[in-house]
C-alpha cells in the first residue's frame, strides 16, 4: 500500500519548522518530483533554506536521508493499518475493505506525485541498499497483516487471498500513476470485495 498522505510534522509555515523537518520536507518534495537518484544534497539543502554542512549534521549521508524519509512514510501506512484494525476490531472483512478504501482514497495523490516506494525502488538499483531493504520489510509486514485480516474474514487460504488483494492494491496504484485506468479507486474496491467474497465462499462450501 503506497498512497502517500502528508508526512507527519509538515507545517504550512515551512520556515518555522526545525532544520531537520525542513530537510525532510525538502527531500520529500524533490525525491517525488525528480527521483532519489537524480536529486543532489545541494538541491535539498537549498530547498530547505539551509546548508549542506547543516544537512550532514542531521543525516550522515544522502542514503541515510532517503532511508529516514521512507521510514517515516512506511510508519504512516502502519498507522493506517492500526486505525483500521481498531475501528473494526475482530471484523476481518471490514478491516480488509478499510485498508482498500485507504489506498483508494490516496490514488489522486499518487496521480499527482507518484508512489514513493515504486519511485524510490527505481532509483535504488543496489539490492543491498538499506532503503531498499526497508521497503521490502515494510511490504512484507503489510502482507503479513493483510493475511491475518483475511484469516479473520474467514478465508480458507488467507495467504492466497491476501496475495490477490496485494496484487490489486499495488496494481491500482501503478495504474493511477500512469493514467491507464479510469475510476481506479472504485474499480479497486469492487475487485477486492469480489476476491474476498470468492475466498470466503470457498470456505463456506467446504464445510
N, C-alpha and C. Protein backbone atom coordinates (compact mmCIF):
# COMPACT_ATOMS: atom_id res chain seq x y z
N UNK A 1 0.85 -1.18 0.00
CA UNK A 1 0.00 0.00 0.00
C UNK A 1 0.88 1.23 0.00
N UNK A 2 0.74 2.04 -0.95
CA UNK A 2 1.71 3.10 -1.07
C UNK A 2 1.13 4.48 -1.26
N UNK A 3 -0.23 4.71 -1.03
CA UNK A 3 -0.73 6.06 -1.12
C UNK A 3 -0.01 6.91 -0.11
N UNK A 4 0.20 8.19 -0.42
CA UNK A 4 1.14 8.98 0.36
C UNK A 4 0.49 10.18 1.02
N UNK A 5 -0.04 10.03 2.24
CA UNK A 5 -0.57 11.18 2.96
C UNK A 5 0.55 12.11 3.39
N UNK A 6 0.21 13.35 3.76
CA UNK A 6 1.26 14.29 4.16
C UNK A 6 2.12 13.75 5.28
N UNK A 7 3.41 14.00 5.21
CA UNK A 7 4.33 13.49 6.21
C UNK A 7 4.05 14.13 7.56
N UNK A 8 4.05 13.34 8.66
CA UNK A 8 3.83 13.92 9.99
C UNK A 8 4.82 15.04 10.27
N UNK A 9 4.32 16.11 10.87
CA UNK A 9 5.21 17.21 11.22
C UNK A 9 5.22 18.31 10.20
N UNK A 10 4.64 18.06 9.01
CA UNK A 10 4.65 19.10 7.97
C UNK A 10 3.81 20.28 8.44
N UNK A 11 4.29 21.44 8.18
CA UNK A 11 3.63 22.67 8.60
C UNK A 11 3.60 23.60 7.40
N UNK A 12 2.45 24.27 7.18
CA UNK A 12 2.36 25.19 6.05
C UNK A 12 3.34 26.35 6.22
N UNK A 13 3.72 26.63 7.45
CA UNK A 13 4.70 27.69 7.72
C UNK A 13 6.09 27.06 7.75
N UNK A 14 6.56 26.66 6.58
CA UNK A 14 7.78 25.85 6.48
C UNK A 14 8.96 26.50 7.20
N UNK A 15 9.06 27.81 7.11
CA UNK A 15 10.21 28.49 7.71
C UNK A 15 10.28 28.32 9.22
N UNK A 16 9.13 27.99 9.84
CA UNK A 16 9.09 27.84 11.29
C UNK A 16 9.46 26.43 11.75
N UNK A 17 9.59 25.51 10.81
CA UNK A 17 9.94 24.15 11.18
C UNK A 17 11.40 24.06 11.62
N UNK A 18 11.73 23.12 12.50
CA UNK A 18 13.14 22.88 12.84
C UNK A 18 13.91 22.45 11.59
N UNK A 19 15.22 22.66 11.56
CA UNK A 19 16.01 22.33 10.37
C UNK A 19 15.82 20.89 9.89
N UNK A 20 15.80 19.94 10.81
CA UNK A 20 15.66 18.54 10.39
C UNK A 20 14.35 18.31 9.65
N UNK A 21 13.26 18.93 10.13
CA UNK A 21 11.97 18.78 9.48
C UNK A 21 11.96 19.46 8.12
N UNK A 22 12.60 20.62 8.03
CA UNK A 22 12.69 21.32 6.74
C UNK A 22 13.44 20.47 5.72
N UNK A 23 14.50 19.83 6.18
CA UNK A 23 15.29 18.98 5.28
C UNK A 23 14.45 17.80 4.79
N UNK A 24 13.72 17.18 5.70
CA UNK A 24 12.88 16.04 5.31
C UNK A 24 11.77 16.47 4.36
N UNK A 25 11.17 17.63 4.62
CA UNK A 25 10.14 18.15 3.72
C UNK A 25 10.72 18.41 2.33
N UNK A 26 11.88 19.07 2.30
CA UNK A 26 12.51 19.39 1.02
C UNK A 26 12.89 18.11 0.27
N UNK A 27 13.44 17.16 1.00
CA UNK A 27 13.84 15.89 0.38
C UNK A 27 12.62 15.18 -0.21
N UNK A 28 11.54 15.16 0.55
CA UNK A 28 10.33 14.50 0.05
C UNK A 28 9.84 15.14 -1.25
N UNK A 29 9.77 16.45 -1.26
CA UNK A 29 9.32 17.15 -2.47
C UNK A 29 10.19 16.80 -3.67
N UNK A 30 11.49 16.90 -3.47
CA UNK A 30 12.41 16.68 -4.59
C UNK A 30 12.48 15.21 -4.99
N UNK A 31 12.48 14.30 -4.00
CA UNK A 31 12.52 12.88 -4.33
C UNK A 31 11.30 12.47 -5.15
N UNK A 32 10.12 13.00 -4.80
CA UNK A 32 8.91 12.65 -5.53
C UNK A 32 8.87 13.31 -6.91
N UNK A 33 9.44 14.49 -7.01
CA UNK A 33 9.43 15.19 -8.29
C UNK A 33 10.45 14.63 -9.28
N UNK A 34 11.65 14.31 -8.75
CA UNK A 34 12.76 14.02 -9.65
C UNK A 34 13.36 12.62 -9.45
N UNK A 35 13.01 11.95 -8.35
CA UNK A 35 13.58 10.64 -8.08
C UNK A 35 14.78 10.72 -7.15
N UNK A 36 14.97 9.70 -6.34
CA UNK A 36 16.02 9.74 -5.32
C UNK A 36 17.42 9.77 -5.93
N UNK A 37 17.57 9.19 -7.10
CA UNK A 37 18.90 9.14 -7.71
C UNK A 37 19.31 10.49 -8.28
N UNK A 38 18.35 11.21 -8.86
CA UNK A 38 18.67 12.44 -9.57
C UNK A 38 18.91 13.63 -8.65
N UNK A 39 18.34 13.59 -7.46
CA UNK A 39 18.40 14.75 -6.56
C UNK A 39 19.71 14.77 -5.80
N UNK A 40 20.37 15.92 -5.79
CA UNK A 40 21.62 16.06 -5.05
C UNK A 40 21.41 16.71 -3.69
N UNK A 41 22.38 16.54 -2.83
CA UNK A 41 22.30 17.09 -1.48
C UNK A 41 22.24 18.61 -1.51
N UNK A 42 22.96 19.23 -2.42
CA UNK A 42 22.94 20.69 -2.52
C UNK A 42 21.55 21.20 -2.82
N UNK A 43 20.85 20.54 -3.72
CA UNK A 43 19.49 20.95 -4.08
C UNK A 43 18.55 20.82 -2.89
N UNK A 44 18.71 19.76 -2.12
CA UNK A 44 17.87 19.57 -0.93
C UNK A 44 18.15 20.67 0.09
N UNK A 45 19.42 20.96 0.31
CA UNK A 45 19.80 22.00 1.27
C UNK A 45 19.23 23.35 0.86
N UNK A 46 19.32 23.67 -0.42
CA UNK A 46 18.79 24.95 -0.89
C UNK A 46 17.28 25.02 -0.74
N UNK A 47 16.58 23.92 -1.06
CA UNK A 47 15.12 23.89 -0.91
C UNK A 47 14.72 24.03 0.56
N UNK A 48 15.55 23.51 1.45
CA UNK A 48 15.26 23.57 2.89
C UNK A 48 15.76 24.87 3.52
N UNK A 49 16.34 25.74 2.70
CA UNK A 49 16.86 27.01 3.19
C UNK A 49 17.91 26.79 4.28
N UNK A 50 18.83 25.87 3.97
CA UNK A 50 19.92 25.58 4.90
C UNK A 50 21.18 25.30 4.08
N UNK A 51 22.18 24.72 4.71
CA UNK A 51 23.44 24.44 4.02
C UNK A 51 23.72 22.94 4.01
N UNK A 52 24.62 22.52 3.12
CA UNK A 52 25.00 21.11 3.08
C UNK A 52 25.60 20.69 4.42
N UNK A 53 26.39 21.57 5.01
CA UNK A 53 27.01 21.23 6.29
C UNK A 53 25.94 20.97 7.35
N UNK A 54 24.90 21.82 7.38
CA UNK A 54 23.82 21.62 8.34
C UNK A 54 23.08 20.33 8.05
N UNK A 55 22.85 20.04 6.78
CA UNK A 55 22.16 18.80 6.41
C UNK A 55 22.94 17.59 6.92
N UNK A 56 24.26 17.62 6.72
CA UNK A 56 25.08 16.48 7.15
C UNK A 56 25.16 16.36 8.67
N UNK A 57 24.83 17.41 9.40
CA UNK A 57 24.78 17.28 10.86
C UNK A 57 23.58 16.40 11.28
N UNK A 58 22.54 16.42 10.46
CA UNK A 58 21.34 15.63 10.78
C UNK A 58 21.34 14.27 10.10
N UNK A 59 21.95 14.20 8.91
CA UNK A 59 21.96 12.96 8.14
C UNK A 59 23.37 12.77 7.59
N UNK A 60 24.01 11.70 8.02
CA UNK A 60 25.42 11.50 7.68
C UNK A 60 25.65 11.40 6.18
N UNK A 61 24.68 10.85 5.45
CA UNK A 61 24.79 10.67 4.01
C UNK A 61 23.43 10.89 3.36
N UNK A 62 23.45 11.05 2.07
CA UNK A 62 22.19 11.13 1.32
C UNK A 62 21.40 9.84 1.49
N UNK A 63 22.08 8.71 1.48
CA UNK A 63 21.40 7.42 1.67
C UNK A 63 20.68 7.37 3.01
N UNK A 64 21.30 7.92 4.04
CA UNK A 64 20.67 7.95 5.36
C UNK A 64 19.40 8.81 5.34
N UNK A 65 19.44 9.89 4.57
CA UNK A 65 18.27 10.76 4.43
C UNK A 65 17.15 10.04 3.69
N UNK A 66 17.48 9.35 2.62
CA UNK A 66 16.48 8.57 1.88
C UNK A 66 15.83 7.54 2.79
N UNK A 67 16.68 6.83 3.55
CA UNK A 67 16.17 5.78 4.43
C UNK A 67 15.23 6.36 5.49
N UNK A 68 15.60 7.48 6.08
CA UNK A 68 14.76 8.07 7.12
C UNK A 68 13.44 8.55 6.55
N UNK A 69 13.47 9.17 5.38
CA UNK A 69 12.24 9.61 4.74
C UNK A 69 11.30 8.42 4.51
N UNK A 70 11.82 7.33 3.94
CA UNK A 70 10.99 6.17 3.66
C UNK A 70 10.52 5.49 4.95
N UNK A 71 11.32 5.56 6.01
CA UNK A 71 10.90 5.01 7.29
C UNK A 71 9.67 5.75 7.82
N UNK A 72 9.68 7.07 7.65
CA UNK A 72 8.54 7.87 8.10
C UNK A 72 7.30 7.57 7.25
N UNK A 73 7.50 7.47 5.94
CA UNK A 73 6.38 7.15 5.05
C UNK A 73 5.80 5.78 5.41
N UNK A 74 6.66 4.79 5.63
CA UNK A 74 6.20 3.45 5.98
C UNK A 74 5.41 3.47 7.29
N UNK A 75 5.84 4.29 8.24
CA UNK A 75 5.14 4.37 9.52
C UNK A 75 3.72 4.91 9.35
N UNK A 76 3.51 5.77 8.36
CA UNK A 76 2.17 6.29 8.10
C UNK A 76 1.22 5.15 7.73
N UNK A 77 1.70 4.23 6.91
CA UNK A 77 0.85 3.13 6.47
C UNK A 77 0.61 2.14 7.60
N UNK A 78 1.62 1.94 8.44
CA UNK A 78 1.43 1.10 9.61
C UNK A 78 0.36 1.70 10.51
N UNK A 79 0.39 3.02 10.65
CA UNK A 79 -0.63 3.70 11.46
C UNK A 79 -2.01 3.54 10.85
N UNK A 80 -2.09 3.55 9.51
CA UNK A 80 -3.38 3.36 8.84
C UNK A 80 -3.92 1.96 9.13
N UNK A 81 -3.07 0.95 9.09
CA UNK A 81 -3.48 -0.41 9.45
C UNK A 81 -3.96 -0.44 10.90
N UNK A 82 -3.22 0.21 11.78
CA UNK A 82 -3.61 0.25 13.19
C UNK A 82 -5.01 0.84 13.35
N UNK A 83 -5.27 1.95 12.66
CA UNK A 83 -6.57 2.61 12.78
C UNK A 83 -7.69 1.70 12.29
N UNK A 84 -7.46 1.05 11.15
CA UNK A 84 -8.48 0.17 10.59
C UNK A 84 -8.75 -1.00 11.52
N UNK A 85 -7.71 -1.57 12.08
CA UNK A 85 -7.90 -2.71 12.99
C UNK A 85 -8.64 -2.27 14.26
N UNK A 86 -8.34 -1.07 14.74
CA UNK A 86 -9.01 -0.58 15.94
C UNK A 86 -10.48 -0.25 15.66
N UNK A 87 -10.76 0.32 14.51
CA UNK A 87 -12.13 0.71 14.17
C UNK A 87 -13.02 -0.50 13.90
N UNK A 88 -12.42 -1.60 13.43
CA UNK A 88 -13.20 -2.79 13.08
C UNK A 88 -12.63 -4.01 13.81
N UNK A 89 -12.51 -3.89 15.11
CA UNK A 89 -11.88 -4.95 15.92
C UNK A 89 -12.56 -6.30 15.68
N UNK A 90 -11.76 -7.29 15.27
CA UNK A 90 -12.27 -8.64 15.09
C UNK A 90 -13.00 -8.88 13.78
N UNK A 91 -13.28 -7.84 13.02
CA UNK A 91 -14.03 -7.97 11.76
C UNK A 91 -13.05 -7.89 10.59
N UNK A 92 -12.54 -9.05 10.18
CA UNK A 92 -11.52 -9.09 9.15
C UNK A 92 -11.97 -8.52 7.82
N UNK A 93 -13.22 -8.81 7.44
CA UNK A 93 -13.71 -8.30 6.16
C UNK A 93 -13.72 -6.76 6.16
N UNK A 94 -14.24 -6.17 7.23
CA UNK A 94 -14.27 -4.71 7.32
C UNK A 94 -12.86 -4.14 7.36
N UNK A 95 -11.92 -4.85 7.98
CA UNK A 95 -10.54 -4.38 8.03
C UNK A 95 -9.91 -4.37 6.64
N UNK A 96 -10.10 -5.45 5.89
CA UNK A 96 -9.54 -5.51 4.54
C UNK A 96 -10.12 -4.39 3.68
N UNK A 97 -11.44 -4.20 3.77
CA UNK A 97 -12.07 -3.16 2.96
C UNK A 97 -11.67 -1.76 3.45
N UNK A 98 -11.40 -1.63 4.75
CA UNK A 98 -10.92 -0.35 5.27
C UNK A 98 -9.56 0.00 4.71
N UNK A 99 -8.67 -0.98 4.66
CA UNK A 99 -7.35 -0.75 4.06
C UNK A 99 -7.49 -0.41 2.58
N UNK A 100 -8.39 -1.13 1.92
CA UNK A 100 -8.60 -0.90 0.49
C UNK A 100 -9.10 0.52 0.24
N UNK A 101 -10.03 0.98 1.06
CA UNK A 101 -10.54 2.34 0.89
C UNK A 101 -9.45 3.37 1.19
N UNK A 102 -8.61 3.08 2.16
CA UNK A 102 -7.49 3.98 2.45
C UNK A 102 -6.61 4.15 1.22
N UNK A 103 -6.30 3.04 0.56
CA UNK A 103 -5.49 3.09 -0.65
C UNK A 103 -6.25 3.81 -1.76
N UNK A 104 -7.52 3.48 -1.93
CA UNK A 104 -8.32 4.09 -3.00
C UNK A 104 -8.40 5.60 -2.82
N UNK A 105 -8.57 6.05 -1.60
CA UNK A 105 -8.67 7.49 -1.34
C UNK A 105 -7.34 8.21 -1.58
N UNK A 106 -6.24 7.46 -1.52
CA UNK A 106 -4.94 8.06 -1.76
C UNK A 106 -4.52 8.08 -3.22
N UNK A 107 -5.32 7.46 -4.10
CA UNK A 107 -4.92 7.38 -5.50
C UNK A 107 -4.79 8.74 -6.19
N UNK A 108 -5.66 9.71 -5.90
CA UNK A 108 -5.46 11.04 -6.52
C UNK A 108 -4.09 11.63 -6.19
N UNK A 109 -3.59 11.37 -4.98
CA UNK A 109 -2.26 11.86 -4.62
C UNK A 109 -1.19 11.12 -5.40
N UNK A 110 -1.41 9.82 -5.64
CA UNK A 110 -0.48 9.04 -6.45
C UNK A 110 -0.42 9.61 -7.87
N UNK A 111 -1.58 10.01 -8.41
CA UNK A 111 -1.62 10.60 -9.74
C UNK A 111 -0.74 11.85 -9.80
N UNK A 112 -0.82 12.67 -8.75
CA UNK A 112 -0.08 13.93 -8.74
C UNK A 112 1.40 13.74 -8.46
N UNK A 113 1.72 12.83 -7.54
CA UNK A 113 3.10 12.80 -7.03
C UNK A 113 3.81 11.48 -7.27
N UNK A 114 3.07 10.44 -7.60
CA UNK A 114 3.68 9.13 -7.76
C UNK A 114 3.79 8.39 -6.45
N UNK A 115 4.06 7.11 -6.53
CA UNK A 115 4.21 6.27 -5.34
C UNK A 115 5.63 6.39 -4.80
N UNK A 116 5.80 6.77 -3.54
CA UNK A 116 7.15 6.95 -3.01
C UNK A 116 7.98 5.68 -3.05
N UNK A 117 7.35 4.53 -2.84
CA UNK A 117 8.11 3.27 -2.82
C UNK A 117 8.47 2.82 -4.23
N UNK A 118 7.51 2.84 -5.13
CA UNK A 118 7.79 2.45 -6.51
C UNK A 118 8.85 3.36 -7.12
N UNK A 119 8.68 4.67 -6.93
CA UNK A 119 9.64 5.61 -7.49
C UNK A 119 11.03 5.43 -6.89
N UNK A 120 11.08 5.15 -5.59
CA UNK A 120 12.38 5.01 -4.94
C UNK A 120 13.10 3.73 -5.37
N UNK A 121 12.36 2.63 -5.47
CA UNK A 121 12.97 1.37 -5.88
C UNK A 121 13.62 1.53 -7.26
N UNK A 122 12.97 2.31 -8.12
CA UNK A 122 13.52 2.52 -9.47
C UNK A 122 14.90 3.18 -9.42
N UNK A 123 15.14 3.98 -8.39
CA UNK A 123 16.42 4.66 -8.27
C UNK A 123 17.42 3.96 -7.37
N UNK A 124 16.98 2.91 -6.68
CA UNK A 124 17.85 2.18 -5.76
C UNK A 124 18.18 0.82 -6.37
N UNK A 125 19.13 0.83 -7.27
CA UNK A 125 19.42 -0.39 -8.04
C UNK A 125 20.19 -1.44 -7.24
N UNK A 126 20.85 -1.03 -6.16
CA UNK A 126 21.60 -1.98 -5.33
C UNK A 126 20.63 -2.73 -4.41
N UNK A 127 20.48 -4.06 -4.58
CA UNK A 127 19.54 -4.82 -3.74
C UNK A 127 19.86 -4.73 -2.25
N UNK A 128 21.12 -4.43 -1.93
CA UNK A 128 21.51 -4.36 -0.53
C UNK A 128 21.40 -2.97 0.07
N UNK A 129 20.90 -2.01 -0.68
CA UNK A 129 20.76 -0.64 -0.17
C UNK A 129 19.83 -0.67 1.04
N UNK A 130 20.21 -0.01 2.15
CA UNK A 130 19.37 -0.04 3.36
C UNK A 130 17.94 0.43 3.12
N UNK A 131 17.75 1.44 2.26
CA UNK A 131 16.40 1.93 1.98
C UNK A 131 15.60 0.90 1.20
N UNK A 132 16.26 0.19 0.32
CA UNK A 132 15.56 -0.85 -0.45
C UNK A 132 15.15 -2.00 0.48
N UNK A 133 16.03 -2.36 1.40
CA UNK A 133 15.68 -3.40 2.38
C UNK A 133 14.52 -2.94 3.25
N UNK A 134 14.52 -1.65 3.61
CA UNK A 134 13.42 -1.11 4.41
C UNK A 134 12.09 -1.26 3.67
N UNK A 135 12.09 -0.96 2.37
CA UNK A 135 10.87 -1.10 1.58
C UNK A 135 10.41 -2.56 1.56
N UNK A 136 11.35 -3.48 1.37
CA UNK A 136 11.00 -4.90 1.33
C UNK A 136 10.40 -5.35 2.67
N UNK A 137 11.00 -4.91 3.76
CA UNK A 137 10.48 -5.28 5.08
C UNK A 137 9.11 -4.66 5.31
N UNK A 138 8.93 -3.43 4.87
CA UNK A 138 7.63 -2.76 5.00
C UNK A 138 6.56 -3.52 4.23
N UNK A 139 6.86 -3.91 3.00
CA UNK A 139 5.89 -4.63 2.19
C UNK A 139 5.57 -6.00 2.80
N UNK A 140 6.60 -6.67 3.31
CA UNK A 140 6.39 -7.98 3.93
C UNK A 140 5.50 -7.88 5.17
N UNK A 141 5.70 -6.84 5.96
CA UNK A 141 4.88 -6.66 7.16
C UNK A 141 3.44 -6.33 6.79
N UNK A 142 3.25 -5.51 5.78
CA UNK A 142 1.89 -5.22 5.33
C UNK A 142 1.19 -6.48 4.83
N UNK A 143 1.93 -7.29 4.10
CA UNK A 143 1.35 -8.55 3.60
C UNK A 143 0.98 -9.45 4.77
N UNK A 144 1.84 -9.52 5.78
CA UNK A 144 1.54 -10.35 6.95
C UNK A 144 0.26 -9.88 7.63
N UNK A 145 0.12 -8.58 7.80
CA UNK A 145 -1.06 -8.04 8.47
C UNK A 145 -2.31 -8.24 7.62
N UNK A 146 -2.17 -8.11 6.33
CA UNK A 146 -3.32 -8.32 5.45
C UNK A 146 -3.75 -9.78 5.45
N UNK A 147 -2.79 -10.69 5.52
CA UNK A 147 -3.11 -12.11 5.60
C UNK A 147 -3.89 -12.42 6.88
N UNK A 148 -3.47 -11.81 7.98
CA UNK A 148 -4.19 -12.00 9.25
C UNK A 148 -5.62 -11.47 9.15
N UNK A 149 -5.80 -10.35 8.47
CA UNK A 149 -7.16 -9.82 8.27
C UNK A 149 -8.00 -10.78 7.45
N UNK A 150 -7.40 -11.34 6.40
CA UNK A 150 -8.12 -12.29 5.55
C UNK A 150 -8.52 -13.53 6.34
N UNK A 151 -7.64 -13.98 7.24
CA UNK A 151 -7.97 -15.12 8.09
C UNK A 151 -9.16 -14.78 8.98
N UNK A 152 -9.16 -13.59 9.55
CA UNK A 152 -10.29 -13.18 10.39
C UNK A 152 -11.57 -13.03 9.58
N UNK A 153 -11.42 -12.74 8.28
CA UNK A 153 -12.59 -12.61 7.41
C UNK A 153 -13.18 -13.96 7.04
N UNK A 154 -12.45 -15.05 7.35
CA UNK A 154 -12.95 -16.38 7.08
C UNK A 154 -12.43 -17.00 5.80
N UNK A 155 -11.35 -16.46 5.24
CA UNK A 155 -10.79 -17.04 4.02
C UNK A 155 -10.21 -18.41 4.31
N UNK A 156 -10.47 -19.36 3.41
CA UNK A 156 -9.95 -20.71 3.60
C UNK A 156 -8.43 -20.75 3.45
N UNK A 157 -7.93 -19.99 2.48
CA UNK A 157 -6.47 -19.91 2.26
C UNK A 157 -6.09 -18.43 2.35
N UNK A 158 -5.94 -17.92 3.56
CA UNK A 158 -5.72 -16.48 3.75
C UNK A 158 -4.53 -15.92 2.99
N UNK A 159 -3.44 -16.70 2.90
CA UNK A 159 -2.25 -16.20 2.23
C UNK A 159 -2.50 -15.99 0.74
N UNK A 160 -3.26 -16.90 0.12
CA UNK A 160 -3.57 -16.76 -1.29
C UNK A 160 -4.49 -15.56 -1.53
N UNK A 161 -5.47 -15.39 -0.65
CA UNK A 161 -6.40 -14.27 -0.80
C UNK A 161 -5.65 -12.95 -0.62
N UNK A 162 -4.79 -12.89 0.37
CA UNK A 162 -4.03 -11.65 0.60
C UNK A 162 -3.08 -11.37 -0.55
N UNK A 163 -2.56 -12.43 -1.20
CA UNK A 163 -1.69 -12.23 -2.37
C UNK A 163 -2.47 -11.58 -3.51
N UNK A 164 -3.69 -12.08 -3.75
CA UNK A 164 -4.52 -11.48 -4.81
C UNK A 164 -4.86 -10.03 -4.50
N UNK A 165 -5.19 -9.78 -3.24
CA UNK A 165 -5.57 -8.42 -2.85
C UNK A 165 -4.37 -7.48 -2.94
N UNK A 166 -3.21 -7.95 -2.51
CA UNK A 166 -1.99 -7.15 -2.63
C UNK A 166 -1.71 -6.81 -4.09
N UNK A 167 -1.89 -7.79 -4.96
CA UNK A 167 -1.70 -7.58 -6.38
C UNK A 167 -2.63 -6.49 -6.89
N UNK A 168 -3.88 -6.50 -6.42
CA UNK A 168 -4.84 -5.47 -6.83
C UNK A 168 -4.47 -4.10 -6.28
N UNK A 169 -4.07 -4.05 -5.01
CA UNK A 169 -3.72 -2.78 -4.39
C UNK A 169 -2.52 -2.14 -5.08
N UNK A 170 -1.50 -2.95 -5.32
CA UNK A 170 -0.30 -2.42 -5.97
C UNK A 170 -0.61 -2.03 -7.42
N UNK A 171 -1.37 -2.87 -8.10
CA UNK A 171 -1.70 -2.59 -9.50
C UNK A 171 -2.52 -1.33 -9.66
N UNK A 172 -3.44 -1.09 -8.72
CA UNK A 172 -4.27 0.10 -8.80
C UNK A 172 -3.42 1.36 -8.70
N UNK A 173 -2.40 1.31 -7.87
CA UNK A 173 -1.56 2.48 -7.69
C UNK A 173 -0.71 2.75 -8.92
N UNK A 174 -0.18 1.70 -9.52
CA UNK A 174 0.59 1.88 -10.75
C UNK A 174 -0.32 2.39 -11.87
N UNK A 175 -1.53 1.82 -11.97
CA UNK A 175 -2.47 2.24 -13.00
C UNK A 175 -2.87 3.71 -12.82
N UNK A 176 -3.06 4.11 -11.56
CA UNK A 176 -3.40 5.51 -11.29
C UNK A 176 -2.24 6.42 -11.67
N UNK A 177 -1.02 5.98 -11.36
CA UNK A 177 0.16 6.81 -11.63
C UNK A 177 0.37 7.00 -13.13
N UNK A 178 0.13 5.94 -13.93
CA UNK A 178 0.38 6.09 -15.36
C UNK A 178 -0.88 6.45 -16.14
N UNK A 179 -2.02 6.56 -15.44
CA UNK A 179 -3.25 7.01 -16.09
C UNK A 179 -3.87 6.01 -17.03
N UNK A 180 -3.58 4.71 -16.84
CA UNK A 180 -4.06 3.70 -17.80
C UNK A 180 -5.49 3.25 -17.54
N UNK A 181 -6.02 3.51 -16.34
CA UNK A 181 -7.37 3.04 -15.98
C UNK A 181 -8.14 4.19 -15.34
N UNK A 182 -9.38 4.40 -15.77
CA UNK A 182 -10.19 5.42 -15.14
C UNK A 182 -10.92 4.82 -13.93
N UNK A 183 -11.39 5.68 -13.03
CA UNK A 183 -12.13 5.26 -11.84
C UNK A 183 -11.40 4.14 -11.10
N UNK A 184 -10.09 4.32 -10.96
CA UNK A 184 -9.26 3.27 -10.36
C UNK A 184 -9.70 2.95 -8.93
N UNK A 185 -10.08 3.96 -8.15
CA UNK A 185 -10.50 3.71 -6.77
C UNK A 185 -11.75 2.86 -6.69
N UNK A 186 -12.75 3.20 -7.48
CA UNK A 186 -14.00 2.42 -7.48
C UNK A 186 -13.74 1.00 -7.95
N UNK A 187 -12.95 0.86 -9.00
CA UNK A 187 -12.65 -0.47 -9.52
C UNK A 187 -11.89 -1.30 -8.48
N UNK A 188 -10.98 -0.65 -7.76
CA UNK A 188 -10.20 -1.35 -6.75
C UNK A 188 -11.09 -1.91 -5.65
N UNK A 189 -11.97 -1.08 -5.11
CA UNK A 189 -12.86 -1.54 -4.03
C UNK A 189 -13.73 -2.68 -4.51
N UNK A 190 -14.28 -2.58 -5.73
CA UNK A 190 -15.13 -3.63 -6.27
C UNK A 190 -14.36 -4.93 -6.45
N UNK A 191 -13.13 -4.83 -6.96
CA UNK A 191 -12.34 -6.03 -7.21
C UNK A 191 -11.93 -6.72 -5.91
N UNK A 192 -11.51 -5.95 -4.92
CA UNK A 192 -11.13 -6.54 -3.63
C UNK A 192 -12.34 -7.19 -2.96
N UNK A 193 -13.49 -6.55 -3.05
CA UNK A 193 -14.71 -7.12 -2.48
C UNK A 193 -15.01 -8.47 -3.13
N UNK A 194 -14.85 -8.55 -4.45
CA UNK A 194 -15.11 -9.80 -5.17
C UNK A 194 -14.13 -10.90 -4.75
N UNK A 195 -12.86 -10.54 -4.59
CA UNK A 195 -11.86 -11.53 -4.15
C UNK A 195 -12.20 -12.04 -2.75
N UNK A 196 -12.58 -11.14 -1.86
CA UNK A 196 -12.95 -11.55 -0.51
C UNK A 196 -14.14 -12.49 -0.52
N UNK A 197 -15.15 -12.13 -1.29
CA UNK A 197 -16.36 -12.95 -1.34
C UNK A 197 -16.05 -14.34 -1.90
N UNK A 198 -15.23 -14.39 -2.94
CA UNK A 198 -14.86 -15.68 -3.51
C UNK A 198 -14.03 -16.50 -2.54
N UNK A 199 -13.08 -15.85 -1.88
CA UNK A 199 -12.22 -16.56 -0.95
C UNK A 199 -12.94 -17.09 0.27
N UNK A 200 -13.91 -16.38 0.76
CA UNK A 200 -14.67 -16.85 1.92
C UNK A 200 -15.78 -17.81 1.52
N UNK A 201 -16.29 -17.68 0.29
CA UNK A 201 -17.34 -18.60 -0.17
C UNK A 201 -16.80 -20.00 -0.30
N UNK A 202 -15.53 -20.13 -0.72
CA UNK A 202 -14.91 -21.45 -0.84
C UNK A 202 -14.93 -22.16 0.50
N UNK A 203 -14.67 -21.40 1.56
CA UNK A 203 -14.65 -22.00 2.89
C UNK A 203 -16.05 -22.46 3.29
N UNK A 204 -17.04 -21.61 2.99
CA UNK A 204 -18.41 -21.96 3.33
C UNK A 204 -18.84 -23.24 2.62
N UNK A 205 -18.50 -23.35 1.34
CA UNK A 205 -18.89 -24.54 0.57
C UNK A 205 -18.21 -25.80 1.09
N UNK A 206 -16.99 -25.63 1.63
CA UNK A 206 -16.23 -26.79 2.11
C UNK A 206 -16.68 -27.32 3.44
N UNK A 207 -17.53 -26.59 4.13
CA UNK A 207 -17.96 -27.03 5.47
C UNK A 207 -18.98 -28.16 5.36
